[in-house]
Each structure stands twice: as structure tokens, then as C-alpha cells.
Amino acid sequence: MYDLIIVGGGPAGSSAGRTAGRLGLRALLLEKEVFPREKPCGGALSARALASLDFLLPPALQAQALTGARVCYRGRKVEAHLSAPYAFLVSRSDFDHFLLTEAEKAGIEIHQGEKVLGLCETDGSISVRTPVGVYRGRCALIAEGAQGHLKGRARRRETRAEQGFAIVTEIPVTQPQAGIAEIHFGMSRWGYGWIFPHAGYLSVGVGGLLPAMPRIRERLQVFLRKNGLPETSRCRGHVIPMGGIRRNLVNGRILLCGDAAGFADPLSGEGIAYAIRSGQLAAEAVHRALSERIEALEEYEAACERAFGGELRDALFLARLVHRFPAAFHRLFSSHPRVVAAYLDVVAGIRSYRSFLAWALPRMPAYLALREICRPTPAKKI
């Protein structure tokens, strides 16, 4: 009988496992892949995410520091730079493998290459079924990401309007322009493209709200051509939940964290910081529940709310404004380096979304929003 069974070995599951081990819980982590494994992602680790770790990340994993950003929209380009890094570019394969190793060092049991087929709660415990057999635990934590099927045991699934989708590829280059991330608006009404300069290659991708991203592979090829980059068929996509929406995180002895819980920035799509922190909070909640009273599991939702719930809701408010008036906000972000720098402070965790909104909205020319509202809607064919 385990105290905690964790499903998924990404940043959320590994962080939960490390915390569980350090708290003395007997924990089992089940991961369907064998690490290191390929992970489709731009690979930008925000300073906020780095600060969430309870250990120092080896310098070798922090391949490139990002201190600047270039925002492009309809031929306009604006650059901003900070004095300190707001993010680091990492190989997600290496980064995730390192986190899993740190969890194992904390004393938990890890089974790689073992996919969870189902789980159920009976007689005050959780039974978790895999091709190898059935494991029993006093609690279970689902950390298998946004595309897993087990999260439905604790909450409803997202609608298409509550999901984003991104597709990414890697383009080999000899000398990428280090330190500057490029963000391109106008790829779709509700999305953006990016070019991140890793060592020896560029991570290039496009993403946005799922309903607004049809033929996304074609969009990526167009984006590559427009930026003078070679087209490629090697690309991978992934679903991104829209954070800031109230969701159930606990059902009986089953908890959710990370993308499975819907914790991702609804504007940028960044989710590693929330994955790490929610995994830690989930393990702490299980420890309290098993040492005091099982009802303490319900306090996990309140803990997540205190830690980052308000920030995600403010991000959702801004995301919906951007989606409602995309041209106005794209012009705002590409209008002046101060606007970009202020948003980079949010990524770095120096400034909150609420503070950014209070700073940015008065600087948005009113006529841009008015023009967007008054623009006639093209007639649709019937």
C-alpha cells in the first residue's frame, strides 16, 4: 500500500514526487514513456518557473538566457531588453529527465514505460491498473498532462473553446541570435508565432486557441517561409489548457495538478511554473491529509488559489481582451519597447498581470479599440 501514486513524470509529477519523498511519504510514480523522451515545446523556462524549484538547476541545463524580446506585427518590429534574464531556454527532454532524477533521489519509487490504463477508488484506497498489474495507494495524483484521459475522474473535460493548440519544429542553424526571443502576431486572430534561439537550432512554432487554428501545419510552413527558414515535415503538436477557469481539482482521494488540472497561462501558454508549484502543493496536501484527516485534501484547491489562482484569472481576462480586440492589442504590443518590457516583467515574475493591466490599458490608444469595435463584419455565405 503506497501513500501516494503519481500518474505522469513531467514537471508536475516529478515535483510532486520530490516533495512527497522529502515529506516521508511512500510514493510510486508511473510514467508511460522512458526518459529522456522527446517533448514538443518551445523550451522557454520562465524565471517564475525557475524560482518555483526547491533546488538549483545546473548551469549546463540553462543553455541560453533570454534578456530581450522582439515583437513583430504587420511589418512593425519593436525590441525590448531587461537587465536580468526573464527566461532560460532549455531542452525539455533534458530538463524533464533531470526533474525525474531529482524525484528519485528523494526516495520515491519510479516505474518508467508503464502506462496507467485506469484507476478507481474503493474501500478508502485507490486501485491503479497498468499492463503489469494493479497497485494500491491511499491517494492518487493525476499529472499526465492536458491530453490524458484520466483527468475526467475528477473534473469535466474542456470544451474546444477552452483549449489551445501549438505546433513546434526545430531548425538547425550555426549561429542563432542569442538572448532574443521573437514573437510574431497576426498568424491567426487568436494566436502567435515564435522563434526561440537555442544553441545550434531555432525552436519555431505557432499556436493559439484551438477553434481558430485549422490547418495548423500549413500555418507553420507559411510562418517558416515568411521568416526565410526552410520548411520541414518534422513537427509535433500539443494541446494547452486555458488557465483561469474554475475547475474541480479533488474528487475523493484523487487530485489533479499541472496541465491535467488546467494550469497554464491563457495568454502565453506557459505552464511549467504552475505545474511545478501545483505538484508541490498536491504532495503537501496529501501529507497533511494522511497525518491529520483525509478531508484536508479539499484544502489543496484553496492552496492553489492562494498561490496562483488570481494571477491566472487576471491572465484570462487579458487574454479575452486580446482575443476580442486582436488588432488593437497587437499594435499596442508592437508600439513601444516599454510595453514589451513591462510584459517581460510579468514572465519573470517581477510584475503581476493585474499590475500590467493597470499600466498598459491607459496607454492603449482609444481609437484603436473603437476602430476594432466599429469594423463591419464581413457577410457570410448562406
Protein backbone atom coordinates (compact mmCIF):
# COMPACT_ATOMS: atom_id res chain seq x y z
CA MET A 1 0.00 0.00 0.00
CA TYR A 2 1.51 3.29 -1.15
CA ASP A 3 0.69 6.62 0.44
CA LEU A 4 0.57 8.29 -2.97
CA ILE A 5 0.53 7.04 -6.55
CA ILE A 6 1.50 9.67 -9.12
CA VAL A 7 0.47 9.25 -12.74
CA GLY A 8 2.86 11.12 -15.04
CA GLY A 9 6.53 12.05 -14.75
CA GLY A 10 6.59 15.53 -16.30
CA PRO A 11 7.39 18.67 -14.27
CA ALA A 12 4.14 18.39 -12.26
CA GLY A 13 4.50 14.70 -11.39
CA SER A 14 8.25 14.90 -10.72
CA SER A 15 7.83 17.94 -8.47
CA ALA A 16 5.07 16.16 -6.56
CA GLY A 17 7.25 13.07 -6.25
CA ARG A 18 10.25 15.00 -4.94
CA THR A 19 8.10 16.80 -2.36
CA ALA A 20 6.39 13.55 -1.34
CA GLY A 21 9.73 11.83 -0.84
CA ARG A 22 11.13 14.67 1.23
CA LEU A 23 8.00 14.59 3.42
CA GLY A 24 8.48 10.89 4.07
CA LEU A 25 5.58 9.58 2.01
CA ARG A 26 5.82 6.18 0.39
CA ALA A 27 5.17 7.20 -3.21
CA LEU A 28 5.07 5.46 -6.58
CA LEU A 29 5.39 7.40 -9.84
CA LEU A 30 4.18 5.73 -13.04
CA GLU A 31 5.31 7.16 -16.39
CA LYS A 32 4.26 5.69 -19.74
CA GLU A 33 7.43 6.89 -21.55
CA VAL A 34 11.07 6.07 -20.89
CA PHE A 35 13.11 9.19 -20.11
CA PRO A 36 14.77 11.05 -21.65
CA ARG A 37 11.87 11.38 -24.09
CA GLU A 38 11.05 13.85 -26.82
CA LYS A 39 8.76 16.65 -25.72
CA PRO A 40 7.19 19.15 -28.17
CA CYS A 41 7.76 22.55 -26.58
CA GLY A 42 9.41 25.87 -27.26
CA GLY A 43 11.63 25.18 -24.27
CA ALA A 44 11.36 28.59 -22.58
CA LEU A 45 11.67 28.18 -18.81
CA SER A 46 10.49 31.40 -17.20
CA ALA A 47 12.24 32.97 -14.24
CA ARG A 48 8.96 32.38 -12.38
CA ALA A 49 9.26 28.64 -13.07
CA LEU A 50 12.92 28.58 -12.06
CA ALA A 51 12.04 30.26 -8.75
CA SER A 52 9.45 27.52 -8.07
CA LEU A 53 12.12 24.82 -7.89
CA ASP A 54 13.42 23.93 -4.44
CA PHE A 55 16.93 23.23 -5.78
CA LEU A 56 19.41 24.91 -8.11
CA LEU A 57 19.21 23.98 -11.76
CA PRO A 58 22.66 23.03 -13.13
CA PRO A 59 24.09 25.76 -15.38
CA ALA A 60 24.53 23.20 -18.15
CA LEU A 61 20.74 22.86 -18.43
CA GLN A 62 20.25 26.63 -18.67
CA ALA A 63 21.52 26.65 -22.23
CA GLN A 64 20.53 30.18 -23.22
CA ALA A 65 19.42 33.15 -21.13
CA LEU A 66 16.72 35.37 -22.61
CA THR A 67 17.04 39.05 -21.73
CA GLY A 68 15.36 40.54 -24.79
CA ALA A 69 12.31 40.12 -27.00
CA ARG A 70 11.41 41.28 -30.50
CA VAL A 71 7.71 41.71 -31.25
CA CYS A 72 6.64 41.74 -34.91
CA TYR A 73 3.27 42.67 -36.37
CA ARG A 74 2.46 43.57 -39.98
CA GLY A 75 5.94 44.82 -40.81
CA ARG A 76 6.42 46.60 -37.50
CA LYS A 77 9.17 45.45 -35.14
CA VAL A 78 9.99 46.60 -31.65
CA GLU A 79 12.67 45.29 -29.27
CA ALA A 80 12.97 45.45 -25.51
CA HIS A 81 15.71 44.28 -23.17
CA LEU A 82 15.88 43.66 -19.44
CA SER A 83 18.96 43.84 -17.25
CA ALA A 84 18.37 40.28 -15.95
CA PRO A 85 17.06 37.14 -17.69
CA TYR A 86 13.29 36.74 -17.77
CA ALA A 87 13.57 33.15 -19.03
CA PHE A 88 16.05 30.44 -19.95
CA LEU A 89 15.91 28.19 -22.98
CA VAL A 90 16.23 24.53 -22.05
CA SER A 91 15.95 21.19 -23.75
CA ARG A 92 12.66 19.84 -22.40
CA SER A 93 13.97 16.32 -22.85
CA ASP A 94 16.98 17.02 -20.61
CA PHE A 95 15.07 19.27 -18.19
CA ASP A 96 12.24 16.79 -17.58
CA HIS A 97 14.72 13.93 -17.19
CA PHE A 98 16.64 15.92 -14.59
CA LEU A 99 13.47 16.65 -12.60
CA LEU A 100 12.54 12.97 -12.63
CA THR A 101 16.04 12.09 -11.39
CA GLU A 102 15.69 14.60 -8.55
CA ALA A 103 12.38 12.97 -7.59
CA GLU A 104 14.05 9.56 -7.49
CA LYS A 105 16.83 10.94 -5.27
CA ALA A 106 14.13 11.93 -2.76
CA GLY A 107 13.41 8.23 -2.23
CA ILE A 108 10.27 7.54 -4.24
CA GLU A 109 9.72 4.51 -6.48
CA ILE A 110 9.58 5.20 -10.23
CA HIS A 111 8.34 2.89 -12.98
CA GLN A 112 9.07 4.11 -16.50
CA GLY A 113 7.50 2.64 -19.61
CA GLU A 114 4.40 1.62 -17.65
CA LYS A 115 1.16 3.19 -18.83
CA VAL A 116 -1.79 3.59 -16.47
CA LEU A 117 -4.91 2.05 -18.01
CA GLY A 118 -7.40 3.06 -15.34
CA LEU A 119 -7.99 3.77 -11.67
CA CYS A 120 -10.85 3.55 -9.20
CA GLU A 121 -11.50 4.36 -5.56
CA THR A 122 -12.77 1.56 -3.32
CA ASP A 123 -12.73 0.92 0.42
CA GLY A 124 -10.74 4.04 1.31
CA SER A 125 -7.96 3.43 -1.22
CA ILE A 126 -7.15 3.86 -4.91
CA SER A 127 -6.51 0.94 -7.26
CA VAL A 128 -4.35 1.84 -10.27
CA ARG A 129 -4.24 -0.61 -13.16
CA THR A 130 -1.34 -0.96 -15.63
CA PRO A 131 -0.31 -3.74 -18.06
CA VAL A 132 1.98 -5.04 -15.30
CA GLY A 133 -0.68 -5.32 -12.60
CA VAL A 134 -2.69 -3.37 -10.03
CA TYR A 135 -1.18 -1.02 -7.44
CA ARG A 136 -2.97 0.31 -4.38
CA GLY A 137 -2.49 3.69 -2.78
CA ARG A 138 -4.16 5.79 -0.15
CA CYS A 139 -4.29 8.72 -2.60
CA ALA A 140 -3.62 9.26 -6.30
CA LEU A 141 -2.35 12.31 -8.16
CA ILE A 142 -3.04 12.65 -11.89
CA ALA A 143 -0.25 14.61 -13.58
CA GLU A 144 -0.39 13.11 -17.07
CA GLY A 145 -0.85 16.39 -18.97
CA ALA A 146 -3.63 18.01 -20.95
CA GLN A 147 -4.18 15.12 -23.36
CA GLY A 148 -4.55 12.36 -20.78
CA HIS A 149 -7.83 10.51 -20.28
CA LEU A 150 -7.75 10.10 -16.50
CA LYS A 151 -8.47 13.72 -15.53
CA GLY A 152 -12.15 13.03 -16.18
CA ARG A 153 -12.19 11.13 -12.89
CA ALA A 154 -12.05 14.45 -11.05
CA ARG A 155 -13.48 17.09 -13.39
CA ARG A 156 -15.21 17.68 -16.69
CA ARG A 157 -13.18 17.84 -19.87
CA GLU A 158 -12.53 21.19 -21.54
CA THR A 159 -14.54 22.33 -24.49
CA ARG A 160 -12.68 23.28 -27.68
CA ALA A 161 -13.13 26.94 -26.75
CA GLU A 162 -11.21 26.29 -23.51
CA GLN A 163 -8.19 24.74 -25.22
CA GLY A 164 -5.23 26.00 -27.15
CA PHE A 165 -3.05 24.11 -29.60
CA ALA A 166 0.57 24.66 -30.57
CA ILE A 167 2.85 23.04 -33.10
CA VAL A 168 6.65 23.30 -32.98
CA THR A 169 9.68 22.29 -35.01
CA GLU A 170 13.44 22.66 -34.71
CA ILE A 171 15.52 24.26 -37.47
CA PRO A 172 19.32 23.69 -37.30
CA VAL A 173 21.38 26.89 -37.51
CA THR A 174 25.04 27.61 -36.90
CA GLN A 175 24.83 30.95 -35.08
CA PRO A 176 21.40 31.87 -33.71
CA GLN A 177 20.97 35.38 -32.31
CA ALA A 178 21.35 34.56 -28.65
CA GLY A 179 19.34 36.25 -25.93
CA ILE A 180 16.40 37.47 -28.03
CA ALA A 181 13.08 35.69 -28.48
CA GLU A 182 10.90 36.69 -31.43
CA ILE A 183 7.12 36.86 -31.12
CA HIS A 184 5.05 37.29 -34.29
CA PHE A 185 1.43 38.40 -34.07
CA GLY A 186 -1.03 38.16 -36.92
CA MET A 187 -0.53 34.43 -37.62
CA SER A 188 -4.15 33.96 -36.64
CA ARG A 189 -6.79 36.08 -34.94
CA TRP A 190 -6.22 34.35 -31.61
CA GLY A 191 -2.62 33.20 -31.66
CA TYR A 192 1.03 33.98 -32.36
CA GLY A 193 4.21 32.52 -33.74
CA TRP A 194 7.60 32.33 -32.05
CA ILE A 195 11.28 31.85 -32.82
CA PHE A 196 13.48 30.90 -29.85
CA PRO A 197 17.31 30.77 -30.34
CA HIS A 198 18.57 27.55 -28.74
CA ALA A 199 22.21 26.52 -29.02
CA GLY A 200 22.61 25.14 -32.55
CA TYR A 201 18.97 25.35 -33.55
CA LEU A 202 15.85 27.51 -33.59
CA SER A 203 12.65 26.39 -31.92
CA VAL A 204 9.93 27.66 -34.23
CA GLY A 205 6.22 27.29 -33.63
CA VAL A 206 2.73 28.69 -33.93
CA GLY A 207 -0.13 28.39 -31.51
CA GLY A 208 -3.46 29.79 -30.46
CA LEU A 209 -6.99 28.90 -29.45
CA LEU A 210 -7.98 25.50 -30.83
CA PRO A 211 -11.10 26.66 -32.77
CA ALA A 212 -9.02 29.34 -34.53
CA MET A 213 -6.18 27.06 -35.64
CA PRO A 214 -7.40 24.96 -38.60
CA ARG A 215 -4.71 23.52 -40.90
CA ILE A 216 -2.09 24.40 -38.31
CA ARG A 217 0.68 22.51 -40.14
CA GLU A 218 0.11 24.73 -43.17
CA ARG A 219 0.27 27.81 -40.93
CA LEU A 220 3.64 26.65 -39.62
CA GLN A 221 5.03 26.19 -43.14
CA VAL A 222 3.82 29.67 -44.11
CA PHE A 223 5.44 31.08 -40.97
CA LEU A 224 8.73 29.39 -41.83
CA ARG A 225 8.69 30.74 -45.40
CA LYS A 226 7.90 34.29 -44.27
CA ASN A 227 10.92 34.24 -41.98
CA GLY A 228 13.30 32.79 -44.55
CA LEU A 229 13.53 29.42 -42.83
CA PRO A 230 13.43 26.02 -44.55
CA GLU A 231 10.14 24.16 -44.49
CA THR A 232 10.13 20.82 -42.70
CA SER A 233 7.78 17.92 -42.17
CA ARG A 234 9.24 17.12 -38.76
CA CYS A 235 6.96 18.86 -36.28
CA ARG A 236 4.90 17.93 -33.26
CA GLY A 237 1.86 19.49 -31.63
CA HIS A 238 0.27 19.52 -28.21
CA VAL A 239 -2.91 20.70 -26.52
CA ILE A 240 -2.72 23.56 -23.99
CA PRO A 241 -5.50 24.05 -21.42
CA MET A 242 -6.79 27.55 -20.82
CA GLY A 243 -5.98 28.54 -17.26
CA GLY A 244 -8.02 30.85 -15.07
CA ILE A 245 -11.24 28.79 -15.33
CA ARG A 246 -12.62 27.31 -12.12
CA ARG A 247 -12.25 23.52 -12.20
CA ASN A 248 -12.54 20.72 -9.68
CA LEU A 249 -9.11 19.55 -8.55
CA VAL A 250 -10.12 16.93 -5.99
CA ASN A 251 -12.59 14.05 -6.14
CA GLY A 252 -12.43 11.81 -3.09
CA ARG A 253 -8.81 10.64 -2.86
CA ILE A 254 -7.92 11.69 -6.42
CA LEU A 255 -6.14 15.00 -7.11
CA LEU A 256 -5.11 16.80 -10.31
CA CYS A 257 -2.09 19.03 -10.94
CA GLY A 258 -0.29 20.72 -13.83
CA ASP A 259 -1.89 20.67 -17.27
CA ALA A 260 -4.28 17.93 -16.14
CA ALA A 261 -5.70 20.48 -13.71
CA GLY A 262 -5.87 23.16 -16.42
CA PHE A 263 -3.00 25.24 -15.04
CA ALA A 264 -1.49 27.13 -17.99
CA ASP A 265 -1.19 30.81 -18.83
CA PRO A 266 -4.13 31.50 -21.20
CA LEU A 267 -2.20 34.25 -22.98
CA SER A 268 1.31 32.86 -23.44
CA GLY A 269 0.58 29.15 -22.98
CA GLU A 270 3.35 28.80 -20.38
CA GLY A 271 2.59 26.08 -17.85
CA ILE A 272 5.83 24.80 -16.30
CA ALA A 273 5.78 27.21 -13.34
CA TYR A 274 2.22 26.22 -12.43
CA ALA A 275 2.99 22.54 -12.98
CA ILE A 276 5.90 22.63 -10.56
CA ARG A 277 4.07 24.58 -7.88
CA SER A 278 0.81 22.63 -8.09
CA GLY A 279 2.71 19.34 -7.86
CA GLN A 280 4.43 20.53 -4.70
CA LEU A 281 1.16 21.74 -3.18
CA ALA A 282 -0.59 18.46 -4.02
CA ALA A 283 2.05 16.38 -2.24
CA GLU A 284 1.88 18.68 0.78
CA ALA A 285 -1.91 18.31 0.86
CA VAL A 286 -1.64 14.51 0.78
CA HIS A 287 0.89 14.59 3.60
CA ARG A 288 -1.44 16.69 5.76
CA ALA A 289 -4.44 14.54 4.91
CA LEU A 290 -2.73 11.28 5.83
CA SER A 291 -1.22 12.63 9.04
CA GLU A 292 -4.30 14.56 10.21
CA ARG A 293 -7.60 13.94 8.42
CA ILE A 294 -8.41 12.84 4.88
CA GLU A 295 -10.77 15.82 4.44
CA ALA A 296 -7.66 18.02 4.33
CA LEU A 297 -7.30 17.01 0.67
CA GLU A 298 -10.02 19.55 -0.11
CA GLU A 299 -7.67 22.29 1.10
CA TYR A 300 -5.49 21.67 -1.95
CA GLU A 301 -7.83 23.72 -4.15
CA ALA A 302 -7.62 26.66 -1.75
CA ALA A 303 -3.82 26.37 -1.66
CA CYS A 304 -3.62 26.59 -5.47
CA GLU A 305 -5.99 29.54 -5.41
CA ARG A 306 -3.78 31.39 -2.95
CA ALA A 307 -0.59 30.56 -4.85
CA PHE A 308 -1.60 31.49 -8.41
CA GLY A 309 -5.38 31.37 -8.92
CA GLY A 310 -5.84 35.13 -9.04
CA GLU A 311 -2.90 35.53 -11.42
CA LEU A 312 -4.36 33.01 -13.88
CA ARG A 313 -7.77 34.69 -13.77
CA ASP A 314 -6.18 38.08 -14.48
CA ALA A 315 -4.27 36.48 -17.36
CA LEU A 316 -7.55 35.04 -18.67
CA PHE A 317 -9.16 38.48 -18.51
CA LEU A 318 -6.31 39.95 -20.55
CA ALA A 319 -6.36 37.01 -22.98
CA ARG A 320 -10.07 37.53 -23.64
CA LEU A 321 -9.48 41.23 -24.28
CA VAL A 322 -6.71 40.35 -26.73
CA HIS A 323 -8.95 37.81 -28.45
CA ARG A 324 -11.81 40.32 -28.64
CA PHE A 325 -9.64 43.16 -29.99
CA PRO A 326 -6.60 41.43 -31.52
CA ALA A 327 -5.54 44.21 -33.90
CA ALA A 328 -5.65 46.83 -31.16
CA PHE A 329 -3.58 44.80 -28.72
CA HIS A 330 -1.13 43.59 -31.36
CA ARG A 331 -0.49 47.22 -32.27
CA LEU A 332 -0.11 48.04 -28.58
CA PHE A 333 2.50 45.31 -28.04
CA SER A 334 4.41 46.34 -31.17
CA SER A 335 4.19 50.08 -30.46
CA HIS A 336 6.96 50.72 -27.95
CA PRO A 337 9.75 48.85 -26.10
CA ARG A 338 8.24 49.92 -22.76
CA VAL A 339 5.14 47.81 -23.41
CA VAL A 340 7.20 44.72 -24.25
CA ALA A 341 9.50 45.26 -21.26
CA ALA A 342 6.51 45.58 -18.94
CA TYR A 343 5.12 42.26 -20.17
CA LEU A 344 8.54 40.57 -19.80
CA ASP A 345 8.41 41.61 -16.15
CA VAL A 346 5.24 39.50 -15.88
CA VAL A 347 7.04 36.48 -17.38
CA ALA A 348 9.89 36.98 -14.96
CA GLY A 349 7.51 37.17 -12.00
CA ILE A 350 8.51 40.75 -11.18
CA ARG A 351 5.13 42.20 -12.12
CA SER A 352 1.65 40.69 -11.79
CA TYR A 353 -0.89 40.56 -14.61
CA ARG A 354 -3.11 42.94 -12.68
CA SER A 355 -0.26 45.42 -12.40
CA PHE A 356 0.46 45.05 -16.12
CA LEU A 357 -3.20 45.65 -16.99
CA ALA A 358 -3.31 48.77 -14.82
CA TRP A 359 -0.15 50.02 -16.55
CA ALA A 360 -0.95 49.05 -20.15
CA LEU A 361 -4.65 49.79 -20.69
CA PRO A 362 -4.39 53.57 -20.19
CA ARG A 363 -1.60 53.55 -22.81
CA MET A 364 -3.72 51.84 -25.45
CA PRO A 365 -4.96 54.45 -27.93
CA ALA A 366 -8.72 54.56 -27.55
CA TYR A 367 -9.25 54.94 -31.27
CA LEU A 368 -7.68 51.53 -31.91
CA ALA A 369 -10.26 49.80 -29.74
CA LEU A 370 -13.05 51.94 -31.21
CA ARG A 371 -11.89 51.09 -34.73
CA GLU A 372 -11.91 47.40 -33.87
CA ILE A 373 -15.42 47.57 -32.39
CA CYS A 374 -16.83 49.53 -35.30
CA ARG A 375 -15.22 47.49 -38.06
CA PRO A 376 -18.00 45.91 -40.16
CA THR A 377 -18.29 42.15 -40.03
CA PRO A 378 -17.89 40.56 -43.49
CA ALA A 379 -21.10 38.99 -44.79
CA LYS A 380 -21.18 35.23 -44.60
CA LYS A 381 -22.36 32.97 -47.36
CA ILE A 382 -25.64 31.20 -46.59
